[in-house]
Every structure is written in structure tokens, then in C-alpha cells.
Amino acid sequence: MSEEKKAATPIATIHLAEGHPMTDLIDSIPTPPSAGDLVEGTIIAISRGRVYIDLPPFGTGLIYGREYLNAADVLRKANQGDIISAKVVDAAGREGYIELSLKEARQAAIWGEAEQAILAQTPYSIIVEEANKGGLILSWQGISGFLPASQLSKDHYPRVPEGDKEKILGELEKLVGHPLSVRIITADAKEGKLIFSERTSNEAEEKASLIDKYQVGDTASGEVTGVVDFGVFVKLEPGLEGLVHISELDWGLVEDPHSLFNVGDRATVKIIEIKDGKVSLSIKALKENPWHTAADRYKKGMEVPGVVIKYNKHGALASIEEGVAGLVHVGEFATPAALRETLELGKTYPFTISLFEPKDQRMTLTYAGKKK
């Protein structure tokens, strides 16, 4: 039979009946290691930048070349007869040896330890190395990790009333060089992502317990603890804060929350959402929506005075009363510049209501004055 015909002949598959005495023997044969597997064996020889490791029954493992250099500090202290763990780089490596990596095995062991630390909620005292606007940089077992500002304890959280990022960074930088008691909450070896938290499980449980006291629709009184560009933080009680988004401050247009509140002010709020441990609040929900009664005062075709309160890509918004505003479309004017020249912010002009749908809180206005 020719060599070509030999190669083309299919290999017979052996089928053993259930309970056959050979079945247990076959099942007892260990699976050969493949790339990425962690293996353990005994050092049988160290010579000229090479370490040979006995891996019965599969043969001999070899650490050499770059992998030897990467682990040189550890291997200098190794001796014949030592048991060592390594990671398989190539199961059919050079000269028939199983090529191994000590450094990758160490890295795999560290990430495995990190995963165990998450389950056990193991605390570590780690010195802060760096700070950025988002949080802090810490190192654990030679791996650089991140502690988001949101995961700082209430004692270290940078409460900056103005929400100024540079001021937040300034507060975070005060922690550089100091140890923090932290836990690992995320460990992703593939992405090299290690995330820490300074918050304790007790804090999370306490917050959850506090939140359980409230329901959507409840009204509460609290202290303003922060005023930022996107809204106002209100402390409902010690350990529990909620956010009043800028869109929930008033029925009228609010450009700057600082114009309405200062830190230390008291505020009465309504709880409008509780989700993922966060409480969303509203102040305007406690006031009557002016659109609900607008139909009693206005109708399509009526001429009304309006104050220009904002420009957008569609034109200008003009308020005919607090909380009731309509769009003056840019198409009425030759150019956007002509609109802004004719309708100045903060000034009152005559308009005609051309579209009025109070149920949907929609209104369109037509400029009734002289155009420039």
C-alpha cells in the first residue's frame, strides 16, 4: 500500500461497551496539559539559563529564554528538588519539552487570590500612590488598581459644593501617601482591571436600611449639602442623600442651581425614584404644574407678551408666564443671527400663540412685532 493511501486510511474508532474493564482504565488517564494551564512539578535540573521540571506522566517542562529572564530573581533562589508551579506556554515546545512560564503563573495566582479576596471581602491597608479627577491609584501585589471617588468612605469623600473638578482633585491629592483600608470589588485578569472600594459592607447595609424607610411619592425635608451644575444634593438624614436634578428644581427654566440654593439651606422634596441604591428627588413636583391650568388663561390665536429666556438650534424660547414657554421658530427670520438681533435675551416682546397643546405642554409662538 502506498504512503498516500496509508495517509488517506481513516483511523478506526474503538467503541467499548458499558462496563467494559478497559473503560475505567481509559477514564483514569489524566488529560495532557495545554497552553494556559497551571501545572506543578519538581525541579530536576538548573543549568545555563534553563530550568527543567518533571511533569509526570507527560514528560519534562522547560523554562528558558525570555521566560527565564522574566523570573530570574525567583529562579536564582530555586534548587533541585524544589516543587514549583508554572503556566504552560506551549505544550509541544522546543525539543519536545513543555514550555513553561513562571511569571505568567505568578500573575494567574495573584488574580486568583484577588477573586478569592472579593468573595471573602478581605480588607487591605494600602498606601495611595496617585490621584486624578476620578479617584485614586493604589498598587496591590504589583498590580496597579483604581479606587473611584464614588467608592470612598463618607469621611474621605470630596464634598465640593461647586462640583469643581480641580477642587475635587485637590481634596483627593491630600490622601496621597496615606494608607486606606480597602477591599477589592472587581478583578478582571483579561482587561487587567483591579477596582477597590473603601466603603464597608456595613455602610452599604446601613444605606439600604435607610432607603427602605422611604417610598416613591413620599415627601421629606432635608439639608442642601451640595450645589452643582446639574442639580442639588439634599441630605434626608445622616447617611442618606438624594439628588434633585436641575430639570426637577422648578417648572420654569433653571440655568444655574446656585441661583436658587446654597449649601446649608433647608429644602422640602418629593421622592420620585429609588433605583440601584440611589434616591432621585423633585422640588417642582410639590408645586402645581402651570400647564394644567394654562387652558383657562390662553388659547390659540391669542396675542401675549413673552420674555425671551433661551436660544437653541430651533430658535428661541419665550416664557408667557412662569413655567409656560413656547418656541419661536428660527424659520420666521432670515438667519439665526437676525433672530437673536431681533429677540434679545431677557427682554419682553409681543407674540401670537400659533400652536397650543397644554396637555402635551407644547406651544409655538409667532413674533408679532417689527422684525429688524
Foldseek 3Di string as FASTA:
>chain_A
DDPVVVVVDDDDDDDDDPPPPCPVVVVPDDDQDAAFDKAKFFFADDDDQKTWTQGPPLGIAIEHDPLSVVCVVVVVPDDGGDMAMWGFHGCCDDPRHGYTHRVVRVLVVVLVVLVVQQVVVDKDWWAFAAFALQATWTDDPNQIATEGLVQEDPVQRPQDQAPDSVSNRVSRRVRHGGIAIWGWNDRDSVVSYTYIHRDDVVLVVVLVVVCVVDDAFDKAKFFFRHFYQQFTWTARDPSDIATEGLPQEALAHDRGCVVPDDGGDMAMWGFHDQDPSHTYTHRHVVPDQPLVCVVVPDDAFDKAKWAFADADPQATWTHRDGNQIAGAGPVLDPGNVQRCVFHPHGDIAIWGWHDDDSVVSYTHTYGPDDGD
